[in-house]
Amino acid sequence: MRCIIARFPFDLTKSGVLEAMKGVKPEQVIGESVIIGRRTYPVKQVGQAITRQDRRDFSAGEVLRAMTQLGFTCPGLRRTAARKRVPAPFQQAPAMPGAPAAV
């Protein structure tokens, strides 16, 4: 799969990522992570290993997007949940005690 990380194109495959991470000891996970094999790696460590770039050159989001497209599990991935709609104060007013009931 072709992806762009830190403005550079990479042709990544699942087997290529597995090979790049073989023998790499996972660092302590703080924030987003990627499960590769039976190990959980910080996403920045994976990005550094597969791109050979400094961790400051790319964002965690770029690597997470690539890893999820390749089929890896990313447990720290933030899911956008449906937000609870909060009514404006003037919309709450009729529901206040002592207000006439809506028909």
PDB file of N, CA and C in Angstrom:
ATOM      1  N   MET A   1       0.841  -1.159   0.000  1.00  0.00           N
ATOM      2  CA  MET A   1       0.000   0.000   0.000  1.00  0.00           C
ATOM      3  C   MET A   1       0.897   1.238   0.000  1.00  0.00           C
ATOM      4  N   ARG A   2       0.548   2.172  -0.819  1.00  0.00           N
ATOM      5  CA  ARG A   2       1.315   3.406  -0.894  1.00  0.00           C
ATOM      6  C   ARG A   2       0.716   4.424   0.067  1.00  0.00           C
ATOM      7  N   CYS A   3       1.558   5.006   0.908  1.00  0.00           N
ATOM      8  CA  CYS A   3       1.079   6.025   1.840  1.00  0.00           C
ATOM      9  C   CYS A   3       2.125   7.129   1.959  1.00  0.00           C
ATOM     10  N   ILE A   4       1.677   8.267   2.436  1.00  0.00           N
ATOM     11  CA  ILE A   4       2.556   9.425   2.610  1.00  0.00           C
ATOM     12  C   ILE A   4       2.742   9.638   4.114  1.00  0.00           C
ATOM     13  N   ILE A   5       3.990   9.625   4.538  1.00  0.00           N
ATOM     14  CA  ILE A   5       4.340   9.903   5.933  1.00  0.00           C
ATOM     15  C   ILE A   5       5.441  10.945   5.908  1.00  0.00           C
ATOM     16  N   ALA A   6       5.195  12.064   6.559  1.00  0.00           N
ATOM     17  CA  ALA A   6       6.151  13.184   6.612  1.00  0.00           C
ATOM     18  C   ALA A   6       6.505  13.658   5.209  1.00  0.00           C
ATOM     19  N   ARG A   7       5.508  13.731   4.349  1.00  0.00           N
ATOM     20  CA  ARG A   7       5.624  14.216   2.962  1.00  0.00           C
ATOM     21  C   ARG A   7       6.484  13.323   2.076  1.00  0.00           C
ATOM     22  N   PHE A   8       6.757  12.104   2.507  1.00  0.00           N
ATOM     23  CA  PHE A   8       7.509  11.159   1.686  1.00  0.00           C
ATOM     24  C   PHE A   8       6.631   9.949   1.386  1.00  0.00           C
ATOM     25  N   PRO A   9       6.643   9.458   0.149  1.00  0.00           N
ATOM     26  CA  PRO A   9       5.836   8.271  -0.177  1.00  0.00           C
ATOM     27  C   PRO A   9       6.536   6.988   0.275  1.00  0.00           C
ATOM     28  N   PHE A  10       5.742   6.059   0.798  1.00  0.00           N
ATOM     29  CA  PHE A  10       6.248   4.763   1.222  1.00  0.00           C
ATOM     30  C   PHE A  10       5.324   3.686   0.679  1.00  0.00           C
ATOM     31  N   ASP A  11       5.899   2.599   0.208  1.00  0.00           N
ATOM     32  CA  ASP A  11       5.135   1.427  -0.192  1.00  0.00           C
ATOM     33  C   ASP A  11       5.242   0.429   0.951  1.00  0.00           C
ATOM     34  N   LEU A  12       4.195   0.358   1.766  1.00  0.00           N
ATOM     35  CA  LEU A  12       4.212  -0.500   2.945  1.00  0.00           C
ATOM     36  C   LEU A  12       3.348  -1.733   2.720  1.00  0.00           C
ATOM     37  N   THR A  13       3.800  -2.839   3.278  1.00  0.00           N
ATOM     38  CA  THR A  13       3.014  -4.066   3.291  1.00  0.00           C
ATOM     39  C   THR A  13       2.969  -4.568   4.722  1.00  0.00           C
ATOM     40  N   LYS A  14       1.968  -5.370   5.006  1.00  0.00           N
ATOM     41  CA  LYS A  14       1.853  -5.915   6.360  1.00  0.00           C
ATOM     42  C   LYS A  14       3.060  -6.778   6.689  1.00  0.00           C
ATOM     43  N   SER A  15       3.494  -7.596   5.737  1.00  0.00           N
ATOM     44  CA  SER A  15       4.660  -8.451   5.982  1.00  0.00           C
ATOM     45  C   SER A  15       5.934  -7.619   6.142  1.00  0.00           C
ATOM     46  N   GLY A  16       6.025  -6.513   5.419  1.00  0.00           N
ATOM     47  CA  GLY A  16       7.183  -5.635   5.551  1.00  0.00           C
ATOM     48  C   GLY A  16       7.253  -4.980   6.918  1.00  0.00           C
ATOM     49  N   VAL A  17       6.099  -4.589   7.451  1.00  0.00           N
ATOM     50  CA  VAL A  17       6.057  -3.996   8.788  1.00  0.00           C
ATOM     51  C   VAL A  17       6.412  -5.049   9.831  1.00  0.00           C
ATOM     52  N   LEU A  18       5.873  -6.258   9.665  1.00  0.00           N
ATOM     53  CA  LEU A  18       6.202  -7.346  10.598  1.00  0.00           C
ATOM     54  C   LEU A  18       7.696  -7.630  10.590  1.00  0.00           C
ATOM     55  N   GLU A  19       8.299  -7.623   9.418  1.00  0.00           N
ATOM     56  CA  GLU A  19       9.735  -7.879   9.296  1.00  0.00           C
ATOM     57  C   GLU A  19      10.555  -6.749   9.930  1.00  0.00           C
ATOM     58  N   ALA A  20      10.117  -5.490   9.726  1.00  0.00           N
ATOM     59  CA  ALA A  20      10.841  -4.349  10.285  1.00  0.00           C
ATOM     60  C   ALA A  20      10.790  -4.334  11.807  1.00  0.00           C
ATOM     61  N   MET A  21       9.681  -4.836  12.373  1.00  0.00           N
ATOM     62  CA  MET A  21       9.524  -4.811  13.826  1.00  0.00           C
ATOM     63  C   MET A  21      10.011  -6.085  14.498  1.00  0.00           C
ATOM     64  N   LYS A  22      10.454  -7.059  13.711  1.00  0.00           N
ATOM     65  CA  LYS A  22      10.961  -8.312  14.281  1.00  0.00           C
ATOM     66  C   LYS A  22      12.224  -8.025  15.094  1.00  0.00           C
ATOM     67  N   GLY A  23      12.227  -8.458  16.337  1.00  0.00           N
ATOM     68  CA  GLY A  23      13.387  -8.278  17.200  1.00  0.00           C
ATOM     69  C   GLY A  23      13.470  -6.916  17.867  1.00  0.00           C
ATOM     70  N   VAL A  24      12.490  -6.032  17.618  1.00  0.00           N
ATOM     71  CA  VAL A  24      12.494  -4.708  18.235  1.00  0.00           C
ATOM     72  C   VAL A  24      11.740  -4.789  19.551  1.00  0.00           C
ATOM     73  N   LYS A  25      12.387  -4.382  20.624  1.00  0.00           N
ATOM     74  CA  LYS A  25      11.769  -4.418  21.942  1.00  0.00           C
ATOM     75  C   LYS A  25      10.839  -3.204  22.084  1.00  0.00           C
ATOM     76  N   PRO A  26       9.571  -3.443  22.463  1.00  0.00           N
ATOM     77  CA  PRO A  26       8.633  -2.322  22.600  1.00  0.00           C
ATOM     78  C   PRO A  26       9.012  -1.397  23.744  1.00  0.00           C
ATOM     79  N   GLU A  27       8.870  -0.107  23.508  1.00  0.00           N
ATOM     80  CA  GLU A  27       9.059   0.878  24.557  1.00  0.00           C
ATOM     81  C   GLU A  27       7.766   0.978  25.355  1.00  0.00           C
ATOM     82  N   GLN A  28       7.802   1.732  26.437  1.00  0.00           N
ATOM     83  CA  GLN A  28       6.604   1.922  27.243  1.00  0.00           C
ATOM     84  C   GLN A  28       5.573   2.698  26.428  1.00  0.00           C
ATOM     85  N   VAL A  29       4.344   2.211  26.431  1.00  0.00           N
ATOM     86  CA  VAL A  29       3.277   2.840  25.646  1.00  0.00           C
ATOM     87  C   VAL A  29       2.637   3.956  26.442  1.00  0.00           C
ATOM     88  N   ILE A  30       2.665   5.150  25.863  1.00  0.00           N
ATOM     89  CA  ILE A  30       1.975   6.315  26.412  1.00  0.00           C
ATOM     90  C   ILE A  30       1.235   6.933  25.237  1.00  0.00           C
ATOM     91  N   GLY A  31      -0.074   6.869  25.247  1.00  0.00           N
ATOM     92  CA  GLY A  31      -0.858   7.405  24.143  1.00  0.00           C
ATOM     93  C   GLY A  31      -1.220   6.324  23.143  1.00  0.00           C
ATOM     94  N   GLU A  32      -1.214   6.686  21.866  1.00  0.00           N
ATOM     95  CA  GLU A  32      -1.618   5.760  20.816  1.00  0.00           C
ATOM     96  C   GLU A  32      -0.606   4.630  20.675  1.00  0.00           C
ATOM     97  N   SER A  33      -1.122   3.461  20.277  1.00  0.00           N
ATOM     98  CA  SER A  33      -0.254   2.305  20.120  1.00  0.00           C
ATOM     99  C   SER A  33      -0.735   1.445  18.964  1.00  0.00           C
ATOM    100  N   VAL A  34       0.132   0.508  18.565  1.00  0.00           N
ATOM    101  CA  VAL A  34      -0.154  -0.420  17.474  1.00  0.00           C
ATOM    102  C   VAL A  34       0.209  -1.814  17.953  1.00  0.00           C
ATOM    103  N   ILE A  35      -0.676  -2.776  17.726  1.00  0.00           N
ATOM    104  CA  ILE A  35      -0.374  -4.157  18.076  1.00  0.00           C
ATOM    105  C   ILE A  35       0.182  -4.837  16.836  1.00  0.00           C
ATOM    106  N   ILE A  36       1.438  -5.270  16.934  1.00  0.00           N
ATOM    107  CA  ILE A  36       2.110  -5.959  15.838  1.00  0.00           C
ATOM    108  C   ILE A  36       2.559  -7.303  16.383  1.00  0.00           C
ATOM    109  N   GLY A  37       2.016  -8.361  15.803  1.00  0.00           N
ATOM    110  CA  GLY A  37       2.257  -9.690  16.353  1.00  0.00           C
ATOM    111  C   GLY A  37       1.539  -9.794  17.678  1.00  0.00           C
ATOM    112  N   ARG A  38       2.280 -10.126  18.719  1.00  0.00           N
ATOM    113  CA  ARG A  38       1.690 -10.189  20.057  1.00  0.00           C
ATOM    114  C   ARG A  38       2.188  -9.061  20.945  1.00  0.00           C
ATOM    115  N   ARG A  39       2.845  -8.086  20.361  1.00  0.00           N
ATOM    116  CA  ARG A  39       3.409  -6.982  21.133  1.00  0.00           C
ATOM    117  C   ARG A  39       2.697  -5.674  20.821  1.00  0.00           C
ATOM    118  N   THR A  40       2.664  -4.802  21.809  1.00  0.00           N
ATOM    119  CA  THR A  40       2.071  -3.482  21.640  1.00  0.00           C
ATOM    120  C   THR A  40       3.194  -2.450  21.646  1.00  0.00           C
ATOM    121  N   TYR A  41       3.273  -1.695  20.558  1.00  0.00           N
ATOM    122  CA  TYR A  41       4.317  -0.687  20.380  1.00  0.00           C
ATOM    123  C   TYR A  41       3.716   0.711  20.376  1.00  0.00           C
ATOM    124  N   PRO A  42       4.470   1.710  20.864  1.00  0.00           N
ATOM    125  CA  PRO A  42       4.036   3.097  20.677  1.00  0.00           C
ATOM    126  C   PRO A  42       4.061   3.422  19.181  1.00  0.00           C
ATOM    127  N   VAL A  43       3.108   4.181  18.731  1.00  0.00           N
ATOM    128  CA  VAL A  43       2.974   4.440  17.299  1.00  0.00           C
ATOM    129  C   VAL A  43       4.197   5.173  16.734  1.00  0.00           C
ATOM    130  N   LYS A  44       4.798   6.043  17.519  1.00  0.00           N
ATOM    131  CA  LYS A  44       5.989   6.766  17.043  1.00  0.00           C
ATOM    132  C   LYS A  44       7.182   5.828  16.870  1.00  0.00           C
ATOM    133  N   GLN A  45       7.301   4.815  17.727  1.00  0.00           N
ATOM    134  CA  GLN A  45       8.388   3.846  17.584  1.00  0.00           C
ATOM    135  C   GLN A  45       8.220   3.055  16.283  1.00  0.00           C
ATOM    136  N   VAL A  46       6.982   2.669  15.985  1.00  0.00           N
ATOM    137  CA  VAL A  46       6.719   1.937  14.742  1.00  0.00           C
ATOM    138  C   VAL A  46       7.027   2.823  13.544  1.00  0.00           C
ATOM    139  N   GLY A  47       6.596   4.072  13.600  1.00  0.00           N
ATOM    140  CA  GLY A  47       6.867   4.994  12.496  1.00  0.00           C
ATOM    141  C   GLY A  47       8.344   5.187  12.248  1.00  0.00           C
ATOM    142  N   GLN A  48       9.119   5.291  13.312  1.00  0.00           N
ATOM    143  CA  GLN A  48      10.558   5.453  13.173  1.00  0.00           C
ATOM    144  C   GLN A  48      11.186   4.206  12.562  1.00  0.00           C
ATOM    145  N   ALA A  49      10.719   3.031  12.966  1.00  0.00           N
ATOM    146  CA  ALA A  49      11.299   1.785  12.464  1.00  0.00           C
ATOM    147  C   ALA A  49      10.979   1.553  10.987  1.00  0.00           C
ATOM    148  N   ILE A  50       9.762   1.876  10.567  1.00  0.00           N
ATOM    149  CA  ILE A  50       9.394   1.582   9.176  1.00  0.00           C
ATOM    150  C   ILE A  50       9.818   2.666   8.196  1.00  0.00           C
ATOM    151  N   THR A  51       9.993   3.911   8.680  1.00  0.00           N
ATOM    152  CA  THR A  51      10.378   4.989   7.766  1.00  0.00           C
ATOM    153  C   THR A  51      11.849   5.379   7.867  1.00  0.00           C
ATOM    154  N   ARG A  52      12.500   4.983   8.950  1.00  0.00           N
ATOM    155  CA  ARG A  52      13.897   5.370   9.217  1.00  0.00           C
ATOM    156  C   ARG A  52      14.040   6.890   9.326  1.00  0.00           C
ATOM    157  N   GLN A  53      12.983   7.546   9.799  1.00  0.00           N
ATOM    158  CA  GLN A  53      13.005   8.989   9.993  1.00  0.00           C
ATOM    159  C   GLN A  53      12.958   9.300  11.480  1.00  0.00           C
ATOM    160  N   ASP A  54      13.327  10.523  11.822  1.00  0.00           N
ATOM    161  CA  ASP A  54      13.250  10.976  13.199  1.00  0.00           C
ATOM    162  C   ASP A  54      11.779  11.083  13.604  1.00  0.00           C
ATOM    163  N   ARG A  55      11.478  10.801  14.849  1.00  0.00           N
ATOM    164  CA  ARG A  55      10.100  10.813  15.326  1.00  0.00           C
ATOM    165  C   ARG A  55       9.457  12.192  15.254  1.00  0.00           C
ATOM    166  N   ARG A  56      10.263  13.217  15.236  1.00  0.00           N
ATOM    167  CA  ARG A  56       9.721  14.573  15.165  1.00  0.00           C
ATOM    168  C   ARG A  56       9.280  14.944  13.758  1.00  0.00           C
ATOM    169  N   ASP A  57       9.659  14.123  12.763  1.00  0.00           N
ATOM    170  CA  ASP A  57       9.353  14.444  11.370  1.00  0.00           C
ATOM    171  C   ASP A  57       7.945  14.042  10.934  1.00  0.00           C
ATOM    172  N   PHE A  58       7.275  13.196  11.695  1.00  0.00           N
ATOM    173  CA  PHE A  58       5.947  12.736  11.296  1.00  0.00           C
ATOM    174  C   PHE A  58       5.009  12.771  12.493  1.00  0.00           C
ATOM    175  N   SER A  59       3.729  12.740  12.197  1.00  0.00           N
ATOM    176  CA  SER A  59       2.744  12.744  13.287  1.00  0.00           C
ATOM    177  C   SER A  59       2.275  11.317  13.571  1.00  0.00           C
ATOM    178  N   ALA A  60       1.746  11.127  14.762  1.00  0.00           N
ATOM    179  CA  ALA A  60       1.211   9.820  15.130  1.00  0.00           C
ATOM    180  C   ALA A  60       0.022   9.473  14.248  1.00  0.00           C
ATOM    181  N   GLY A  61      -0.746  10.476  13.854  1.00  0.00           N
ATOM    182  CA  GLY A  61      -1.911  10.246  13.006  1.00  0.00           C
ATOM    183  C   GLY A  61      -1.560   9.662  11.658  1.00  0.00           C
ATOM    184  N   GLU A  62      -0.458  10.107  11.079  1.00  0.00           N
ATOM    185  CA  GLU A  62      -0.031   9.569   9.779  1.00  0.00           C
ATOM    186  C   GLU A  62       0.274   8.078   9.880  1.00  0.00           C
ATOM    187  N   VAL A  63       0.965   7.691  10.932  1.00  0.00           N
ATOM    188  CA  VAL A  63       1.336   6.285  11.109  1.00  0.00           C
ATOM    189  C   VAL A  63       0.110   5.459  11.478  1.00  0.00           C
ATOM    190  N   LEU A  64      -0.762   5.988  12.341  1.00  0.00           N
ATOM    191  CA  LEU A  64      -1.980   5.273  12.703  1.00  0.00           C
ATOM    192  C   LEU A  64      -2.851   5.003  11.480  1.00  0.00           C
ATOM    193  N   ARG A  65      -2.983   5.987  10.619  1.00  0.00           N
ATOM    194  CA  ARG A  65      -3.778   5.819   9.407  1.00  0.00           C
ATOM    195  C   ARG A  65      -3.209   4.704   8.537  1.00  0.00           C
ATOM    196  N   ALA A  66      -1.897   4.694   8.382  1.00  0.00           N
ATOM    197  CA  ALA A  66      -1.255   3.662   7.559  1.00  0.00           C
ATOM    198  C   ALA A  66      -1.397   2.282   8.196  1.00  0.00           C
ATOM    199  N   MET A  67      -1.214   2.194   9.509  1.00  0.00           N
ATOM    200  CA  MET A  67      -1.287   0.895  10.178  1.00  0.00           C
ATOM    201  C   MET A  67      -2.710   0.320  10.158  1.00  0.00           C
ATOM    202  N   THR A  68      -3.718   1.169  10.327  1.00  0.00           N
ATOM    203  CA  THR A  68      -5.091   0.671  10.273  1.00  0.00           C
ATOM    204  C   THR A  68      -5.453   0.229   8.862  1.00  0.00           C
ATOM    205  N   GLN A  69      -4.952   0.924   7.854  1.00  0.00           N
ATOM    206  CA  GLN A  69      -5.218   0.509   6.474  1.00  0.00           C
ATOM    207  C   GLN A  69      -4.530  -0.810   6.146  1.00  0.00           C
ATOM    208  N   LEU A  70      -3.427  -1.093   6.806  1.00  0.00           N
ATOM    209  CA  LEU A  70      -2.745  -2.373   6.597  1.00  0.00           C
ATOM    210  C   LEU A  70      -3.387  -3.502   7.410  1.00  0.00           C
ATOM    211  N   GLY A  71      -4.288  -3.161   8.317  1.00  0.00           N
ATOM    212  CA  GLY A  71      -4.996  -4.188   9.072  1.00  0.00           C
ATOM    213  C   GLY A  71      -4.487  -4.428  10.478  1.00  0.00           C
ATOM    214  N   PHE A  72      -3.608  -3.578  10.972  1.00  0.00           N
ATOM    215  CA  PHE A  72      -3.120  -3.725  12.343  1.00  0.00           C
ATOM    216  C   PHE A  72      -4.127  -3.104  13.300  1.00  0.00           C
ATOM    217  N   THR A  73      -4.156  -3.620  14.527  1.00  0.00           N
ATOM    218  CA  THR A  73      -5.044  -3.096  15.556  1.00  0.00           C
ATOM    219  C   THR A  73      -4.355  -1.941  16.266  1.00  0.00           C
ATOM    220  N   CYS A  74      -5.086  -0.843  16.407  1.00  0.00           N
ATOM    221  CA  CYS A  74      -4.555   0.341  17.084  1.00  0.00           C
ATOM    222  C   CYS A  74      -5.479   0.672  18.255  1.00  0.00           C
ATOM    223  N   PRO A  75      -5.227   0.082  19.452  1.00  0.00           N
ATOM    224  CA  PRO A  75      -6.146   0.247  20.574  1.00  0.00           C
ATOM    225  C   PRO A  75      -6.258   1.667  21.103  1.00  0.00           C
ATOM    226  N   GLY A  76      -5.252   2.487  20.936  1.00  0.00           N
ATOM    227  CA  GLY A  76      -5.312   3.856  21.435  1.00  0.00           C
ATOM    228  C   GLY A  76      -5.975   4.801  20.460  1.00  0.00           C
ATOM    229  N   LEU A  77      -6.490   4.277  19.357  1.00  0.00           N
ATOM    230  CA  LEU A  77      -7.098   5.114  18.330  1.00  0.00           C
ATOM    231  C   LEU A  77      -8.350   5.752  18.884  1.00  0.00           C
ATOM    232  N   ARG A  78      -8.404   7.058  18.781  1.00  0.00           N
ATOM    233  CA  ARG A  78      -9.563   7.779  19.292  1.00  0.00           C
ATOM    234  C   ARG A  78     -10.714   7.632  18.303  1.00  0.00           C
ATOM    235  N   ARG A  79     -11.814   7.216  18.821  1.00  0.00           N
ATOM    236  CA  ARG A  79     -13.016   7.085  17.999  1.00  0.00           C
ATOM    237  C   ARG A  79     -13.863   8.339  18.211  1.00  0.00           C
ATOM    238  N   THR A  80     -14.389   8.878  17.146  1.00  0.00           N
ATOM    239  CA  THR A  80     -15.238  10.044  17.280  1.00  0.00           C
ATOM    240  C   THR A  80     -16.645   9.563  17.606  1.00  0.00           C
ATOM    241  N   ALA A  81     -17.064   9.808  18.809  1.00  0.00           N
ATOM    242  CA  ALA A  81     -18.384   9.395  19.257  1.00  0.00           C
ATOM    243  C   ALA A  81     -19.386  10.499  18.933  1.00  0.00           C
ATOM    244  N   ALA A  82     -20.611  10.100  18.783  1.00  0.00           N
ATOM    245  CA  ALA A  82     -21.663  11.081  18.547  1.00  0.00           C
ATOM    246  C   ALA A  82     -21.789  11.946  19.805  1.00  0.00           C
ATOM    247  N   ARG A  83     -21.692  13.222  19.607  1.00  0.00           N
ATOM    248  CA  ARG A  83     -21.764  14.122  20.751  1.00  0.00           C
ATOM    249  C   ARG A  83     -23.207  14.311  21.173  1.00  0.00           C
ATOM    250  N   LYS A  84     -23.384  14.438  22.477  1.00  0.00           N
ATOM    251  CA  LYS A  84     -24.711  14.682  23.003  1.00  0.00           C
ATOM    252  C   LYS A  84     -25.062  16.133  22.713  1.00  0.00           C
ATOM    253  N   ARG A  85     -26.203  16.325  22.129  1.00  0.00           N
ATOM    254  CA  ARG A  85     -26.624  17.673  21.759  1.00  0.00           C
ATOM    255  C   ARG A  85     -27.113  18.388  23.011  1.00  0.00           C
ATOM    256  N   VAL A  86     -26.514  19.523  23.288  1.00  0.00           N
ATOM    257  CA  VAL A  86     -26.895  20.319  24.438  1.00  0.00           C
ATOM    258  C   VAL A  86     -27.771  21.453  23.926  1.00  0.00           C
ATOM    259  N   PRO A  87     -29.024  21.520  24.393  1.00  0.00           N
ATOM    260  CA  PRO A  87     -29.900  22.582  23.911  1.00  0.00           C
ATOM    261  C   PRO A  87     -29.462  23.949  24.440  1.00  0.00           C
ATOM    262  N   ALA A  88     -29.744  24.965  23.657  1.00  0.00           N
ATOM    263  CA  ALA A  88     -29.439  26.334  24.055  1.00  0.00           C
ATOM    264  C   ALA A  88     -30.343  26.717  25.226  1.00  0.00           C
ATOM    265  N   PRO A  89     -29.960  27.714  26.021  1.00  0.00           N
ATOM    266  CA  PRO A  89     -30.767  28.099  27.186  1.00  0.00           C
ATOM    267  C   PRO A  89     -32.224  28.418  26.844  1.00  0.00           C
ATOM    268  N   PHE A  90     -32.470  29.077  25.712  1.00  0.00           N
ATOM    269  CA  PHE A  90     -33.849  29.409  25.359  1.00  0.00           C
ATOM    270  C   PHE A  90     -34.637  28.153  24.972  1.00  0.00           C
ATOM    271  N   GLN A  91     -33.942  27.072  24.574  1.00  0.00           N
ATOM    272  CA  GLN A  91     -34.632  25.827  24.265  1.00  0.00           C
ATOM    273  C   GLN A  91     -34.941  25.044  25.538  1.00  0.00           C
ATOM    274  N   GLN A  92     -34.222  25.285  26.603  1.00  0.00           N
ATOM    275  CA  GLN A  92     -34.453  24.609  27.876  1.00  0.00           C
ATOM    276  C   GLN A  92     -35.563  25.273  28.672  1.00  0.00           C
ATOM    277  N   ALA A  93     -35.812  26.539  28.416  1.00  0.00           N
ATOM    278  CA  ALA A  93     -36.750  27.321  29.220  1.00  0.00           C
ATOM    279  C   ALA A  93     -38.121  26.668  29.374  1.00  0.00           C
ATOM    280  N   PRO A  94     -38.773  26.156  28.344  1.00  0.00           N
ATOM    281  CA  PRO A  94     -40.093  25.562  28.543  1.00  0.00           C
ATOM    282  C   PRO A  94     -40.058  24.322  29.436  1.00  0.00           C
ATOM    283  N   ALA A  95     -38.945  23.678  29.564  1.00  0.00           N
ATOM    284  CA  ALA A  95     -38.860  22.470  30.376  1.00  0.00           C
ATOM    285  C   ALA A  95     -38.585  22.779  31.845  1.00  0.00           C
ATOM    286  N   MET A  96     -38.459  24.036  32.188  1.00  0.00           N
ATOM    287  CA  MET A  96     -38.155  24.419  33.559  1.00  0.00           C
ATOM    288  C   MET A  96     -39.408  24.295  34.430  1.00  0.00           C
ATOM    289  N   PRO A  97     -39.221  24.077  35.723  1.00  0.00           N
ATOM    290  CA  PRO A  97     -40.377  23.963  36.628  1.00  0.00           C
ATOM    291  C   PRO A  97     -41.237  25.228  36.591  1.00  0.00           C
ATOM    292  N   GLY A  98     -42.550  25.017  36.602  1.00  0.00           N
ATOM    293  CA  GLY A  98     -43.476  26.135  36.600  1.00  0.00           C
ATOM    294  C   GLY A  98     -43.834  26.615  35.217  1.00  0.00           C
ATOM    295  N   ALA A  99     -43.178  26.082  34.189  1.00  0.00           N
ATOM    296  CA  ALA A  99     -43.488  26.482  32.825  1.00  0.00           C
ATOM    297  C   ALA A  99     -44.725  25.723  32.354  1.00  0.00           C
ATOM    298  N   PRO A 100     -45.519  26.308  31.466  1.00  0.00           N
ATOM    299  CA  PRO A 100     -46.690  25.602  30.950  1.00  0.00           C
ATOM    300  C   PRO A 100     -46.265  24.356  30.172  1.00  0.00           C
ATOM    301  N   ALA A 101     -47.029  23.313  30.279  1.00  0.00           N
ATOM    302  CA  ALA A 101     -46.724  22.063  29.581  1.00  0.00           C
ATOM    303  C   ALA A 101     -46.954  22.221  28.094  1.00  0.00           C
ATOM    304  N   ALA A 102     -46.074  21.601  27.322  1.00  0.00           N
ATOM    305  CA  ALA A 102     -46.217  21.635  25.865  1.00  0.00           C
ATOM    306  C   ALA A 102     -47.338  20.700  25.442  1.00  0.00           C
ATOM    307  N   VAL A 103     -48.111  21.135  24.467  1.00  0.00           N
ATOM    308  CA  VAL A 103     -49.249  20.340  23.985  1.00  0.00           C
ATOM    309  C   VAL A 103     -48.864  19.510  22.813  1.00  0.00           C
TER     310      VAL A 103
END
